[in-house]
Amino acid sequence: MADDYQLFVDRWTHPDERPVPSTPASLDQAQEEIGAELPSELRDFLLRFGPVHTTIELLNLIIDEFIDLSDVSGFHTPEEIVSQTVGWRARGLPVTHVAFARDSQGNLFCFEAGERDEQVWFFDHDFNETECLDLSFSRWISRYAHLRG
């Protein structure tokens, strides 16, 4: 699955706009502040690539090809994982969920703290609804990595 991480980054981020990878200390601090461990696959991705942001081409492909996926526009920094999670919990994000990325509309991709299966969840802030996507982080990112127009 690590190759899918590289494929995702190569295909959907701008090579001149890649962030510095997150540090173990910054991720540990975020975990401490939210009181939950990050899923190991998410942690590995952030340690390797950092909080990447996608190019508009991903959103365009999803729209143009009528692909049934919400676009992922960017991953949160460790500090944003904390601030976005805490902020959105006050506005309807379930208290068991931790936000790690967003789509172009500001909806959140999350995981459920304390769950062993580490499934990705989607939080729609317009409707205050969460939906389990029934995919681990690596399988979730693989869907984007292998999209073709």
N, C-alpha and C. Protein backbone atom coordinates (compact mmCIF):
# COMPACT_ATOMS: atom_id res chain seq x y z
N MET A 1 0.81 -1.21 0.00
CA MET A 1 0.00 0.00 0.00
C MET A 1 0.85 1.27 0.00
N ALA A 2 2.06 1.20 0.50
CA ALA A 2 2.90 2.39 0.52
C ALA A 2 3.12 2.91 -0.90
N ASP A 3 3.18 2.01 -1.89
CA ASP A 3 3.33 2.46 -3.27
C ASP A 3 2.12 3.28 -3.71
N ASP A 4 0.93 2.94 -3.20
CA ASP A 4 -0.26 3.73 -3.51
C ASP A 4 -0.14 5.13 -2.92
N TYR A 5 0.51 5.25 -1.78
CA TYR A 5 0.73 6.58 -1.20
C TYR A 5 1.57 7.42 -2.16
N GLN A 6 2.64 6.85 -2.66
CA GLN A 6 3.52 7.57 -3.59
C GLN A 6 2.77 7.90 -4.87
N LEU A 7 1.99 6.96 -5.38
CA LEU A 7 1.21 7.18 -6.59
C LEU A 7 0.21 8.32 -6.38
N PHE A 8 -0.47 8.33 -5.24
CA PHE A 8 -1.40 9.41 -4.92
C PHE A 8 -0.68 10.76 -4.94
N VAL A 9 0.43 10.85 -4.25
CA VAL A 9 1.19 12.10 -4.16
C VAL A 9 1.69 12.51 -5.54
N ASP A 10 2.24 11.58 -6.30
CA ASP A 10 2.76 11.89 -7.63
C ASP A 10 1.66 12.34 -8.59
N ARG A 11 0.52 11.70 -8.49
CA ARG A 11 -0.56 11.96 -9.44
C ARG A 11 -1.37 13.21 -9.09
N TRP A 12 -1.58 13.48 -7.80
CA TRP A 12 -2.57 14.50 -7.43
C TRP A 12 -2.02 15.69 -6.65
N THR A 13 -0.72 15.81 -6.48
CA THR A 13 -0.17 17.00 -5.83
C THR A 13 0.85 17.64 -6.76
N HIS A 14 1.05 18.92 -6.56
CA HIS A 14 2.01 19.65 -7.38
C HIS A 14 3.41 19.41 -6.82
N PRO A 15 4.37 19.02 -7.66
CA PRO A 15 5.71 18.68 -7.14
C PRO A 15 6.43 19.84 -6.46
N ASP A 16 6.07 21.07 -6.81
CA ASP A 16 6.72 22.22 -6.17
C ASP A 16 6.01 22.69 -4.91
N GLU A 17 4.92 22.04 -4.55
CA GLU A 17 4.14 22.47 -3.39
C GLU A 17 3.94 21.33 -2.39
N ARG A 18 4.95 20.55 -2.21
CA ARG A 18 4.85 19.44 -1.26
C ARG A 18 5.39 19.89 0.09
N PRO A 19 4.66 19.58 1.14
CA PRO A 19 5.07 20.03 2.47
C PRO A 19 6.19 19.17 3.04
N VAL A 20 6.69 19.63 4.14
CA VAL A 20 7.67 18.86 4.90
C VAL A 20 6.92 17.72 5.60
N PRO A 21 7.44 16.52 5.60
CA PRO A 21 6.78 15.43 6.32
C PRO A 21 6.60 15.78 7.80
N SER A 22 5.53 15.28 8.38
CA SER A 22 5.28 15.48 9.80
C SER A 22 6.34 14.75 10.60
N THR A 23 6.59 15.22 11.79
CA THR A 23 7.56 14.57 12.67
C THR A 23 6.84 13.65 13.65
N PRO A 24 7.52 12.63 14.13
CA PRO A 24 6.90 11.78 15.14
C PRO A 24 6.46 12.60 16.37
N ALA A 25 7.28 13.58 16.76
CA ALA A 25 6.95 14.38 17.94
C ALA A 25 5.67 15.19 17.72
N SER A 26 5.49 15.76 16.51
CA SER A 26 4.29 16.55 16.25
C SER A 26 3.04 15.67 16.23
N LEU A 27 3.16 14.47 15.69
CA LEU A 27 2.03 13.54 15.68
C LEU A 27 1.73 13.03 17.08
N ASP A 28 2.77 12.76 17.86
CA ASP A 28 2.57 12.35 19.26
C ASP A 28 1.84 13.44 20.05
N GLN A 29 2.23 14.69 19.81
CA GLN A 29 1.60 15.83 20.48
C GLN A 29 0.12 15.92 20.10
N ALA A 30 -0.18 15.77 18.83
CA ALA A 30 -1.58 15.80 18.38
C ALA A 30 -2.38 14.69 19.04
N GLN A 31 -1.80 13.50 19.09
CA GLN A 31 -2.49 12.37 19.73
C GLN A 31 -2.78 12.66 21.19
N GLU A 32 -1.81 13.24 21.86
CA GLU A 32 -1.99 13.56 23.27
C GLU A 32 -3.10 14.60 23.46
N GLU A 33 -3.12 15.60 22.61
CA GLU A 33 -4.11 16.67 22.75
C GLU A 33 -5.53 16.22 22.44
N ILE A 34 -5.69 15.30 21.49
CA ILE A 34 -7.04 14.81 21.18
C ILE A 34 -7.41 13.56 21.96
N GLY A 35 -6.43 12.99 22.65
CA GLY A 35 -6.70 11.81 23.46
C GLY A 35 -7.00 10.57 22.66
N ALA A 36 -6.38 10.45 21.48
CA ALA A 36 -6.61 9.28 20.63
C ALA A 36 -5.39 9.04 19.77
N GLU A 37 -5.12 7.78 19.51
CA GLU A 37 -4.02 7.41 18.62
C GLU A 37 -4.47 7.56 17.18
N LEU A 38 -3.58 8.06 16.35
CA LEU A 38 -3.85 8.12 14.92
C LEU A 38 -3.73 6.72 14.35
N PRO A 39 -4.56 6.38 13.37
CA PRO A 39 -4.40 5.07 12.72
C PRO A 39 -2.98 4.94 12.17
N SER A 40 -2.42 3.76 12.27
CA SER A 40 -1.02 3.55 11.87
C SER A 40 -0.79 3.90 10.40
N GLU A 41 -1.74 3.59 9.52
CA GLU A 41 -1.56 3.91 8.10
C GLU A 41 -1.56 5.42 7.86
N LEU A 42 -2.44 6.14 8.52
CA LEU A 42 -2.45 7.60 8.41
C LEU A 42 -1.16 8.18 8.95
N ARG A 43 -0.74 7.70 10.08
CA ARG A 43 0.51 8.18 10.68
C ARG A 43 1.68 7.94 9.72
N ASP A 44 1.75 6.75 9.14
CA ASP A 44 2.82 6.44 8.18
C ASP A 44 2.80 7.40 7.00
N PHE A 45 1.61 7.69 6.48
CA PHE A 45 1.48 8.61 5.35
C PHE A 45 1.99 10.00 5.72
N LEU A 46 1.56 10.52 6.87
CA LEU A 46 1.98 11.86 7.29
C LEU A 46 3.47 11.93 7.60
N LEU A 47 4.03 10.86 8.12
CA LEU A 47 5.47 10.83 8.38
C LEU A 47 6.26 10.82 7.07
N ARG A 48 5.71 10.19 6.07
CA ARG A 48 6.41 10.08 4.79
C ARG A 48 6.23 11.30 3.90
N PHE A 49 5.00 11.86 3.86
CA PHE A 49 4.70 12.92 2.90
C PHE A 49 4.25 14.23 3.53
N GLY A 50 3.74 14.20 4.73
CA GLY A 50 3.22 15.41 5.36
C GLY A 50 1.81 15.71 4.89
N PRO A 51 1.29 16.87 5.29
CA PRO A 51 -0.09 17.26 4.97
C PRO A 51 -0.22 17.80 3.55
N VAL A 52 -0.27 16.91 2.59
CA VAL A 52 -0.32 17.30 1.18
C VAL A 52 -1.67 17.90 0.82
N HIS A 53 -1.66 18.71 -0.24
CA HIS A 53 -2.87 19.28 -0.82
C HIS A 53 -2.92 18.86 -2.28
N THR A 54 -4.10 18.55 -2.75
CA THR A 54 -4.23 18.07 -4.12
C THR A 54 -4.41 19.23 -5.09
N THR A 55 -4.16 18.95 -6.35
CA THR A 55 -4.39 19.92 -7.41
C THR A 55 -5.86 19.87 -7.83
N ILE A 56 -6.27 20.88 -8.57
CA ILE A 56 -7.66 20.96 -9.04
C ILE A 56 -7.99 19.82 -9.99
N GLU A 57 -6.99 19.18 -10.56
CA GLU A 57 -7.25 18.10 -11.51
C GLU A 57 -8.01 16.94 -10.88
N LEU A 58 -7.78 16.68 -9.60
CA LEU A 58 -8.51 15.59 -8.93
C LEU A 58 -9.99 15.93 -8.87
N LEU A 59 -10.31 17.12 -8.41
CA LEU A 59 -11.72 17.54 -8.35
C LEU A 59 -12.33 17.55 -9.75
N ASN A 60 -11.62 18.08 -10.74
CA ASN A 60 -12.15 18.11 -12.10
C ASN A 60 -12.46 16.71 -12.62
N LEU A 61 -11.57 15.76 -12.39
CA LEU A 61 -11.79 14.39 -12.85
C LEU A 61 -13.04 13.80 -12.19
N ILE A 62 -13.17 13.98 -10.90
CA ILE A 62 -14.32 13.43 -10.17
C ILE A 62 -15.62 14.01 -10.72
N ILE A 63 -15.63 15.30 -10.98
CA ILE A 63 -16.84 15.96 -11.51
C ILE A 63 -17.08 15.56 -12.96
N ASP A 64 -16.06 15.68 -13.80
CA ASP A 64 -16.22 15.42 -15.24
C ASP A 64 -16.61 13.98 -15.55
N GLU A 65 -16.09 13.05 -14.76
CA GLU A 65 -16.36 11.63 -15.00
C GLU A 65 -17.50 11.08 -14.14
N PHE A 66 -18.16 11.96 -13.37
CA PHE A 66 -19.27 11.55 -12.50
C PHE A 66 -18.87 10.40 -11.57
N ILE A 67 -17.69 10.51 -10.99
CA ILE A 67 -17.18 9.48 -10.09
C ILE A 67 -17.81 9.67 -8.72
N ASP A 68 -18.31 8.61 -8.15
CA ASP A 68 -19.00 8.68 -6.87
C ASP A 68 -18.00 8.70 -5.70
N LEU A 69 -17.25 9.79 -5.63
CA LEU A 69 -16.29 10.02 -4.55
C LEU A 69 -16.33 11.50 -4.19
N SER A 70 -16.13 11.79 -2.93
CA SER A 70 -15.88 13.17 -2.53
C SER A 70 -14.40 13.41 -2.74
N ASP A 71 -14.08 14.56 -3.30
CA ASP A 71 -12.66 14.84 -3.52
C ASP A 71 -11.97 15.05 -2.18
N VAL A 72 -10.70 14.76 -2.14
CA VAL A 72 -9.89 15.10 -0.98
C VAL A 72 -9.00 16.26 -1.43
N SER A 73 -9.18 17.41 -0.78
CA SER A 73 -8.41 18.57 -1.23
C SER A 73 -7.16 18.78 -0.41
N GLY A 74 -7.15 18.31 0.82
CA GLY A 74 -5.95 18.49 1.63
C GLY A 74 -6.00 17.73 2.93
N PHE A 75 -4.83 17.36 3.38
CA PHE A 75 -4.67 16.72 4.68
C PHE A 75 -4.32 17.77 5.72
N HIS A 76 -4.70 17.51 6.95
CA HIS A 76 -4.42 18.44 8.04
C HIS A 76 -3.00 18.24 8.58
N THR A 77 -2.41 19.35 9.01
CA THR A 77 -1.16 19.27 9.78
C THR A 77 -1.51 18.66 11.14
N PRO A 78 -0.52 18.21 11.89
CA PRO A 78 -0.84 17.71 13.23
C PRO A 78 -1.60 18.74 14.07
N GLU A 79 -1.22 20.00 13.97
CA GLU A 79 -1.91 21.04 14.72
C GLU A 79 -3.35 21.22 14.25
N GLU A 80 -3.56 21.11 12.94
CA GLU A 80 -4.92 21.21 12.39
C GLU A 80 -5.76 20.00 12.74
N ILE A 81 -5.15 18.85 12.86
CA ILE A 81 -5.91 17.67 13.30
C ILE A 81 -6.58 18.00 14.63
N VAL A 82 -5.83 18.63 15.51
CA VAL A 82 -6.38 19.00 16.82
C VAL A 82 -7.41 20.12 16.67
N SER A 83 -7.03 21.22 16.03
CA SER A 83 -7.93 22.38 15.97
C SER A 83 -9.20 22.09 15.18
N GLN A 84 -9.09 21.38 14.07
CA GLN A 84 -10.28 21.06 13.28
C GLN A 84 -11.19 20.08 14.01
N THR A 85 -10.60 19.11 14.66
CA THR A 85 -11.39 18.14 15.42
C THR A 85 -12.14 18.84 16.55
N VAL A 86 -11.43 19.60 17.34
CA VAL A 86 -12.06 20.29 18.48
C VAL A 86 -13.11 21.28 17.99
N GLY A 87 -12.76 22.07 16.98
CA GLY A 87 -13.69 23.06 16.46
C GLY A 87 -14.96 22.46 15.88
N TRP A 88 -14.81 21.40 15.11
CA TRP A 88 -15.98 20.78 14.49
C TRP A 88 -16.79 19.95 15.47
N ARG A 89 -16.18 19.46 16.52
CA ARG A 89 -16.98 18.76 17.54
C ARG A 89 -18.00 19.71 18.16
N ALA A 90 -17.64 20.96 18.29
CA ALA A 90 -18.57 21.96 18.83
C ALA A 90 -19.70 22.27 17.84
N ARG A 91 -19.54 21.84 16.57
CA ARG A 91 -20.54 22.11 15.53
C ARG A 91 -21.13 20.85 14.92
N GLY A 92 -21.03 19.74 15.63
CA GLY A 92 -21.73 18.55 15.17
C GLY A 92 -20.91 17.32 14.85
N LEU A 93 -19.59 17.45 14.74
CA LEU A 93 -18.77 16.25 14.52
C LEU A 93 -18.88 15.37 15.76
N PRO A 94 -19.19 14.10 15.58
CA PRO A 94 -19.27 13.22 16.76
C PRO A 94 -17.99 13.27 17.59
N VAL A 95 -18.14 13.25 18.90
CA VAL A 95 -16.98 13.40 19.79
C VAL A 95 -16.00 12.25 19.67
N THR A 96 -16.41 11.16 19.07
CA THR A 96 -15.51 10.02 18.89
C THR A 96 -14.69 10.12 17.60
N HIS A 97 -14.97 11.12 16.77
CA HIS A 97 -14.31 11.23 15.48
C HIS A 97 -13.17 12.24 15.51
N VAL A 98 -12.14 11.95 14.71
CA VAL A 98 -10.96 12.80 14.61
C VAL A 98 -10.75 13.12 13.13
N ALA A 99 -10.72 14.41 12.81
CA ALA A 99 -10.59 14.87 11.43
C ALA A 99 -9.13 14.86 10.99
N PHE A 100 -8.87 14.34 9.79
CA PHE A 100 -7.50 14.33 9.27
C PHE A 100 -7.36 14.95 7.89
N ALA A 101 -8.47 15.16 7.19
CA ALA A 101 -8.43 15.75 5.85
C ALA A 101 -9.78 16.39 5.55
N ARG A 102 -9.83 17.13 4.42
CA ARG A 102 -11.08 17.80 4.04
C ARG A 102 -11.27 17.68 2.53
N ASP A 103 -12.50 17.92 2.12
CA ASP A 103 -12.77 18.01 0.69
C ASP A 103 -12.86 19.48 0.30
N SER A 104 -13.15 19.75 -0.96
CA SER A 104 -13.17 21.14 -1.44
C SER A 104 -14.33 21.95 -0.88
N GLN A 105 -15.31 21.29 -0.28
CA GLN A 105 -16.45 21.98 0.33
C GLN A 105 -16.28 22.17 1.84
N GLY A 106 -15.15 21.71 2.38
CA GLY A 106 -14.91 21.84 3.81
C GLY A 106 -15.45 20.69 4.65
N ASN A 107 -16.00 19.66 4.00
CA ASN A 107 -16.42 18.47 4.72
C ASN A 107 -15.17 17.72 5.16
N LEU A 108 -15.31 16.85 6.12
CA LEU A 108 -14.15 16.22 6.75
C LEU A 108 -14.07 14.73 6.51
N PHE A 109 -12.84 14.26 6.35
CA PHE A 109 -12.54 12.84 6.41
C PHE A 109 -12.00 12.59 7.81
N CYS A 110 -12.48 11.54 8.45
CA CYS A 110 -12.18 11.30 9.86
C CYS A 110 -11.90 9.83 10.10
N PHE A 111 -11.49 9.56 11.32
CA PHE A 111 -11.47 8.19 11.81
C PHE A 111 -12.14 8.22 13.17
N GLU A 112 -12.59 7.07 13.61
CA GLU A 112 -13.26 6.96 14.89
C GLU A 112 -12.25 6.52 15.93
N ALA A 113 -12.02 7.37 16.91
CA ALA A 113 -11.03 7.11 17.95
C ALA A 113 -11.37 5.82 18.69
N GLY A 114 -10.34 5.03 18.93
CA GLY A 114 -10.49 3.81 19.70
C GLY A 114 -10.96 2.60 18.92
N GLU A 115 -11.30 2.77 17.67
CA GLU A 115 -11.75 1.64 16.86
C GLU A 115 -10.55 0.93 16.25
N ARG A 116 -10.53 -0.37 16.36
CA ARG A 116 -9.40 -1.15 15.86
C ARG A 116 -9.39 -1.28 14.33
N ASP A 117 -10.56 -1.19 13.70
CA ASP A 117 -10.60 -1.41 12.25
C ASP A 117 -10.14 -0.19 11.45
N GLU A 118 -10.00 0.96 12.09
CA GLU A 118 -9.42 2.16 11.47
C GLU A 118 -10.09 2.54 10.15
N GLN A 119 -11.40 2.49 10.12
CA GLN A 119 -12.14 2.86 8.92
C GLN A 119 -12.17 4.37 8.75
N VAL A 120 -12.20 4.82 7.50
CA VAL A 120 -12.35 6.24 7.19
C VAL A 120 -13.84 6.58 7.21
N TRP A 121 -14.14 7.72 7.81
CA TRP A 121 -15.49 8.25 7.89
C TRP A 121 -15.54 9.58 7.15
N PHE A 122 -16.73 9.94 6.66
CA PHE A 122 -16.94 11.22 6.00
C PHE A 122 -17.97 12.00 6.81
N PHE A 123 -17.62 13.24 7.17
CA PHE A 123 -18.54 14.11 7.91
C PHE A 123 -18.99 15.23 6.99
N ASP A 124 -20.29 15.25 6.69
CA ASP A 124 -20.90 16.30 5.86
C ASP A 124 -21.38 17.39 6.80
N HIS A 125 -20.70 18.53 6.78
CA HIS A 125 -21.03 19.59 7.74
C HIS A 125 -22.35 20.28 7.43
N ASP A 126 -22.83 20.21 6.19
CA ASP A 126 -24.13 20.83 5.87
C ASP A 126 -25.29 20.09 6.52
N PHE A 127 -25.17 18.78 6.61
CA PHE A 127 -26.25 17.96 7.15
C PHE A 127 -25.93 17.37 8.52
N ASN A 128 -24.72 17.67 9.04
CA ASN A 128 -24.28 17.10 10.33
C ASN A 128 -24.44 15.58 10.33
N GLU A 129 -23.99 14.95 9.25
CA GLU A 129 -24.10 13.50 9.11
C GLU A 129 -22.72 12.90 8.90
N THR A 130 -22.51 11.76 9.52
CA THR A 130 -21.29 11.00 9.29
C THR A 130 -21.65 9.69 8.60
N GLU A 131 -20.73 9.26 7.74
CA GLU A 131 -20.93 8.02 7.01
C GLU A 131 -19.63 7.24 7.03
N CYS A 132 -19.70 5.98 7.42
CA CYS A 132 -18.53 5.11 7.36
C CYS A 132 -18.33 4.70 5.91
N LEU A 133 -17.12 4.91 5.40
CA LEU A 133 -16.83 4.59 4.00
C LEU A 133 -16.41 3.13 3.82
N ASP A 134 -16.33 2.39 4.92
CA ASP A 134 -15.97 0.96 4.89
C ASP A 134 -14.65 0.70 4.18
N LEU A 135 -13.70 1.61 4.38
CA LEU A 135 -12.37 1.47 3.81
C LEU A 135 -11.33 1.86 4.85
N SER A 136 -10.26 1.10 4.93
CA SER A 136 -9.13 1.52 5.74
C SER A 136 -8.48 2.72 5.04
N PHE A 137 -7.60 3.41 5.75
CA PHE A 137 -6.92 4.56 5.15
C PHE A 137 -6.20 4.16 3.86
N SER A 138 -5.46 3.08 3.88
CA SER A 138 -4.70 2.69 2.69
C SER A 138 -5.62 2.33 1.52
N ARG A 139 -6.74 1.67 1.78
CA ARG A 139 -7.68 1.35 0.70
C ARG A 139 -8.39 2.60 0.21
N TRP A 140 -8.67 3.54 1.14
CA TRP A 140 -9.31 4.81 0.77
C TRP A 140 -8.40 5.61 -0.16
N ILE A 141 -7.15 5.78 0.22
CA ILE A 141 -6.23 6.58 -0.61
C ILE A 141 -5.92 5.87 -1.93
N SER A 142 -5.95 4.55 -1.92
CA SER A 142 -5.72 3.78 -3.14
C SER A 142 -6.79 4.08 -4.19
N ARG A 143 -8.02 4.32 -3.77
CA ARG A 143 -9.10 4.64 -4.73
C ARG A 143 -8.73 5.90 -5.50
N TYR A 144 -8.20 6.90 -4.82
CA TYR A 144 -7.82 8.14 -5.49
C TYR A 144 -6.55 7.95 -6.33
N ALA A 145 -5.62 7.18 -5.79
CA ALA A 145 -4.36 6.96 -6.48
C ALA A 145 -4.57 6.31 -7.85
N HIS A 146 -5.57 5.47 -7.97
CA HIS A 146 -5.78 4.72 -9.21
C HIS A 146 -6.87 5.29 -10.11
N LEU A 147 -7.36 6.48 -9.82
CA LEU A 147 -8.35 7.10 -10.70
C LEU A 147 -7.68 7.44 -12.04
N ARG A 148 -8.45 7.26 -13.09
CA ARG A 148 -7.96 7.59 -14.43
C ARG A 148 -9.04 8.39 -15.15
N GLY A 149 -8.62 9.36 -15.89
CA GLY A 149 -9.56 10.18 -16.66
C GLY A 149 -9.68 9.71 -18.08
